[in-house]
N, C-alpha and C. Protein backbone atom coordinates (compact mmCIF):
# COMPACT_ATOMS: atom_id res chain seq x y z
N MET A 1 21.68 -6.73 57.00
CA MET A 1 21.35 -7.69 56.00
C MET A 1 20.61 -7.00 54.85
N ALA A 2 21.00 -7.31 53.65
CA ALA A 2 20.36 -6.74 52.46
C ALA A 2 19.28 -7.69 51.96
N ARG A 3 18.17 -7.11 51.59
CA ARG A 3 17.09 -7.94 51.04
C ARG A 3 17.33 -8.14 49.56
N ILE A 4 17.04 -9.30 49.08
CA ILE A 4 17.19 -9.61 47.66
C ILE A 4 15.84 -9.39 47.00
N LYS A 5 15.83 -8.49 45.97
CA LYS A 5 14.59 -8.22 45.25
C LYS A 5 14.36 -9.30 44.21
N LYS A 6 13.09 -9.50 43.88
CA LYS A 6 12.78 -10.48 42.84
C LYS A 6 13.27 -9.93 41.51
N SER A 7 13.84 -10.78 40.74
CA SER A 7 14.26 -10.38 39.40
C SER A 7 14.08 -11.57 38.47
N ARG A 8 14.13 -11.30 37.21
CA ARG A 8 13.96 -12.37 36.24
C ARG A 8 15.11 -13.37 36.34
N LYS A 9 16.20 -12.90 36.85
CA LYS A 9 17.37 -13.77 36.97
C LYS A 9 17.24 -14.73 38.15
N ALA A 10 16.33 -14.36 39.06
CA ALA A 10 16.20 -15.16 40.27
C ALA A 10 15.72 -16.56 39.92
N THR A 11 16.18 -17.51 40.65
CA THR A 11 15.76 -18.89 40.40
C THR A 11 14.31 -19.06 40.84
N GLY A 12 13.57 -19.83 40.08
CA GLY A 12 12.17 -20.07 40.42
C GLY A 12 11.24 -18.95 39.94
N PHE A 13 11.73 -18.03 39.11
CA PHE A 13 10.89 -16.94 38.61
C PHE A 13 9.92 -17.51 37.57
N ILE A 14 8.64 -17.23 37.75
CA ILE A 14 7.62 -17.71 36.83
C ILE A 14 6.98 -16.51 36.15
N ASP A 15 6.98 -16.52 34.83
CA ASP A 15 6.41 -15.41 34.07
C ASP A 15 4.93 -15.69 33.82
N ASN A 16 4.07 -14.96 34.54
CA ASN A 16 2.64 -15.13 34.40
C ASN A 16 2.00 -13.97 33.64
N SER A 17 2.73 -13.40 32.71
CA SER A 17 2.19 -12.24 31.99
C SER A 17 1.16 -12.64 30.94
N GLY A 18 1.02 -13.89 30.62
CA GLY A 18 0.01 -14.35 29.67
C GLY A 18 0.57 -14.45 28.28
N PRO A 19 -0.30 -14.73 27.32
CA PRO A 19 0.17 -14.90 25.94
C PRO A 19 0.64 -13.57 25.34
N SER A 20 1.52 -13.66 24.38
CA SER A 20 2.02 -12.45 23.74
C SER A 20 0.96 -11.90 22.79
N ARG A 21 1.19 -10.70 22.31
CA ARG A 21 0.23 -10.06 21.42
C ARG A 21 0.02 -10.87 20.14
N SER A 22 1.09 -11.38 19.59
CA SER A 22 0.97 -12.17 18.36
C SER A 22 0.16 -13.44 18.60
N GLU A 23 0.30 -14.04 19.78
CA GLU A 23 -0.49 -15.22 20.11
C GLU A 23 -1.97 -14.86 20.27
N LYS A 24 -2.24 -13.69 20.85
CA LYS A 24 -3.63 -13.24 21.01
C LYS A 24 -4.25 -12.99 19.65
N LEU A 25 -3.50 -12.39 18.74
CA LEU A 25 -4.03 -12.10 17.41
C LEU A 25 -4.24 -13.37 16.60
N ALA A 26 -3.47 -14.39 16.87
CA ALA A 26 -3.61 -15.66 16.14
C ALA A 26 -4.89 -16.38 16.54
N ASP A 27 -5.33 -16.19 17.78
CA ASP A 27 -6.55 -16.85 18.25
C ASP A 27 -7.77 -16.07 17.75
N PRO A 28 -8.64 -16.65 16.92
CA PRO A 28 -9.76 -15.90 16.34
C PRO A 28 -10.83 -15.48 17.36
N ASP A 29 -10.85 -16.10 18.53
CA ASP A 29 -11.86 -15.77 19.53
C ASP A 29 -11.38 -14.75 20.56
N SER A 30 -10.13 -14.34 20.47
CA SER A 30 -9.61 -13.42 21.47
C SER A 30 -10.11 -12.00 21.22
N TYR A 31 -10.10 -11.20 22.26
CA TYR A 31 -10.55 -9.82 22.18
C TYR A 31 -9.72 -9.04 21.17
N GLU A 32 -8.41 -9.24 21.19
CA GLU A 32 -7.52 -8.50 20.29
C GLU A 32 -7.85 -8.78 18.82
N SER A 33 -8.03 -10.04 18.47
CA SER A 33 -8.29 -10.37 17.07
C SER A 33 -9.68 -9.91 16.64
N ARG A 34 -10.68 -10.02 17.53
CA ARG A 34 -12.02 -9.54 17.19
C ARG A 34 -12.01 -8.02 17.00
N ARG A 35 -11.25 -7.33 17.86
CA ARG A 35 -11.14 -5.87 17.76
C ARG A 35 -10.46 -5.46 16.46
N ARG A 36 -9.39 -6.13 16.12
CA ARG A 36 -8.65 -5.82 14.89
C ARG A 36 -9.54 -6.05 13.66
N LYS A 37 -10.32 -7.13 13.69
CA LYS A 37 -11.20 -7.46 12.57
C LYS A 37 -12.32 -6.41 12.45
N ALA A 38 -12.88 -5.99 13.59
CA ALA A 38 -13.94 -4.99 13.58
C ALA A 38 -13.43 -3.66 13.05
N GLN A 39 -12.22 -3.28 13.41
CA GLN A 39 -11.65 -2.03 12.91
C GLN A 39 -11.44 -2.09 11.41
N ALA A 40 -11.06 -3.23 10.90
CA ALA A 40 -10.83 -3.38 9.46
C ALA A 40 -12.15 -3.31 8.70
N GLU A 41 -13.21 -3.87 9.29
CA GLU A 41 -14.50 -3.90 8.62
C GLU A 41 -15.33 -2.64 8.85
N LYS A 42 -14.86 -1.78 9.75
CA LYS A 42 -15.61 -0.58 10.09
C LYS A 42 -15.80 0.29 8.84
N LYS A 43 -16.98 0.83 8.72
CA LYS A 43 -17.29 1.63 7.54
C LYS A 43 -16.44 2.89 7.55
N LYS A 44 -15.81 3.15 6.44
CA LYS A 44 -14.99 4.34 6.30
C LYS A 44 -15.88 5.50 5.85
N ASN A 45 -15.56 6.70 6.32
CA ASN A 45 -16.31 7.87 5.91
C ASN A 45 -16.02 8.19 4.45
N ALA A 46 -17.07 8.49 3.69
CA ALA A 46 -16.89 8.81 2.28
C ALA A 46 -16.35 10.23 2.16
N SER A 47 -15.55 10.46 1.12
CA SER A 47 -15.01 11.79 0.90
C SER A 47 -16.12 12.73 0.44
N VAL A 48 -15.86 14.02 0.49
CA VAL A 48 -16.86 15.01 0.09
C VAL A 48 -17.25 14.79 -1.37
N TYR A 49 -16.27 14.52 -2.21
CA TYR A 49 -16.54 14.27 -3.62
C TYR A 49 -17.47 13.07 -3.80
N GLU A 50 -17.19 12.01 -3.04
CA GLU A 50 -18.00 10.80 -3.13
C GLU A 50 -19.44 11.06 -2.68
N LYS A 51 -19.60 11.85 -1.61
CA LYS A 51 -20.94 12.18 -1.12
C LYS A 51 -21.72 12.97 -2.16
N GLN A 52 -21.05 13.94 -2.81
CA GLN A 52 -21.73 14.74 -3.83
C GLN A 52 -22.14 13.87 -5.01
N ARG A 53 -21.28 12.95 -5.40
CA ARG A 53 -21.59 12.08 -6.51
C ARG A 53 -22.79 11.19 -6.19
N GLN A 54 -22.81 10.65 -4.95
CA GLN A 54 -23.94 9.81 -4.54
C GLN A 54 -25.23 10.62 -4.49
N ASN A 55 -25.15 11.85 -3.97
CA ASN A 55 -26.35 12.69 -3.89
C ASN A 55 -26.87 13.02 -5.28
N SER A 56 -25.97 13.29 -6.21
CA SER A 56 -26.42 13.62 -7.57
C SER A 56 -27.03 12.39 -8.23
N ASP A 57 -26.46 11.22 -7.98
CA ASP A 57 -27.02 9.99 -8.53
C ASP A 57 -28.42 9.73 -7.96
N ASN A 58 -28.56 9.91 -6.66
CA ASN A 58 -29.84 9.66 -6.01
C ASN A 58 -30.90 10.66 -6.46
N SER A 59 -30.52 11.93 -6.64
CA SER A 59 -31.50 12.94 -7.01
C SER A 59 -32.01 12.72 -8.43
N ASP A 60 -31.16 12.18 -9.31
CA ASP A 60 -31.59 11.91 -10.67
C ASP A 60 -32.56 10.74 -10.71
N ASP A 61 -32.28 9.72 -9.95
CA ASP A 61 -33.11 8.51 -9.97
C ASP A 61 -34.42 8.70 -9.23
N ASN A 62 -34.32 9.23 -8.04
CA ASN A 62 -35.51 9.35 -7.19
C ASN A 62 -35.80 10.82 -6.93
N GLN A 63 -36.75 11.37 -7.67
CA GLN A 63 -37.16 12.74 -7.41
C GLN A 63 -37.92 12.76 -6.10
N PRO A 64 -37.59 13.71 -5.23
CA PRO A 64 -38.29 13.73 -3.94
C PRO A 64 -39.78 13.99 -4.14
N ALA A 65 -40.58 13.24 -3.42
CA ALA A 65 -42.02 13.38 -3.52
C ALA A 65 -42.42 14.75 -2.99
N GLU A 66 -43.48 15.30 -3.56
CA GLU A 66 -43.95 16.61 -3.15
C GLU A 66 -44.46 16.53 -1.72
N ARG A 67 -44.08 17.51 -0.94
CA ARG A 67 -44.54 17.50 0.46
C ARG A 67 -46.02 17.82 0.51
N LYS A 68 -46.74 17.03 1.24
CA LYS A 68 -48.18 17.24 1.34
C LYS A 68 -48.51 17.52 2.80
N THR A 69 -48.41 18.79 3.14
CA THR A 69 -48.77 19.20 4.48
C THR A 69 -49.92 20.19 4.37
N ARG A 70 -50.61 20.41 5.41
CA ARG A 70 -51.75 21.31 5.39
C ARG A 70 -51.31 22.73 5.04
N LEU A 71 -50.20 23.18 5.65
CA LEU A 71 -49.73 24.53 5.39
C LEU A 71 -49.31 24.68 3.93
N ALA A 72 -48.61 23.69 3.41
CA ALA A 72 -48.18 23.74 2.02
C ALA A 72 -49.38 23.77 1.09
N ASP A 73 -50.40 23.00 1.40
CA ASP A 73 -51.62 22.99 0.59
C ASP A 73 -52.30 24.36 0.61
N LYS A 74 -52.36 24.99 1.78
CA LYS A 74 -52.97 26.31 1.91
C LYS A 74 -52.21 27.33 1.07
N ILE A 75 -50.89 27.29 1.15
CA ILE A 75 -50.08 28.24 0.40
C ILE A 75 -50.27 28.05 -1.10
N LYS A 76 -50.27 26.80 -1.55
CA LYS A 76 -50.49 26.52 -2.97
C LYS A 76 -51.85 27.02 -3.41
N LYS A 77 -52.87 26.80 -2.60
CA LYS A 77 -54.22 27.25 -2.94
C LYS A 77 -54.27 28.77 -3.05
N LEU A 78 -53.64 29.44 -2.08
CA LEU A 78 -53.63 30.91 -2.11
C LEU A 78 -52.90 31.43 -3.35
N ASN A 79 -51.78 30.80 -3.69
CA ASN A 79 -51.03 31.23 -4.87
C ASN A 79 -51.85 31.02 -6.14
N GLU A 80 -52.55 29.92 -6.23
CA GLU A 80 -53.39 29.66 -7.40
C GLU A 80 -54.52 30.68 -7.49
N GLU A 81 -55.12 31.01 -6.36
CA GLU A 81 -56.20 32.02 -6.33
C GLU A 81 -55.69 33.37 -6.75
N LYS A 82 -54.49 33.73 -6.31
CA LYS A 82 -53.92 35.02 -6.70
C LYS A 82 -53.68 35.08 -8.20
N GLN A 83 -53.20 33.98 -8.75
CA GLN A 83 -52.95 33.93 -10.20
C GLN A 83 -54.27 34.04 -10.96
N ARG A 84 -55.32 33.38 -10.49
CA ARG A 84 -56.61 33.43 -11.15
C ARG A 84 -57.19 34.84 -11.08
N ASP A 85 -57.04 35.49 -9.90
CA ASP A 85 -57.55 36.83 -9.74
C ASP A 85 -56.81 37.83 -10.62
N SER A 86 -55.51 37.65 -10.75
CA SER A 86 -54.73 38.58 -11.58
C SER A 86 -55.04 38.41 -13.05
N GLU A 87 -55.46 37.22 -13.48
CA GLU A 87 -55.81 36.98 -14.88
C GLU A 87 -57.17 37.49 -15.11
């Protein structure tokens, strides 16, 4: 006796594979649609040219504040003393 395998042609076959991809994307609360939306809104990396332009814009507007550390203060003091001594 040969066994009959299940096939889509078989009578009583029920397709429980779930909604299709297009149906998932149509539903705004589904994982697929939320994922697609997040990928679209994800921040794109700026090109090297764009980064340089932004850095040049920022450096013109906001000059970096002078670093005020103890070591930097000591070095500045020593340099000033050397200049005074040489004069």
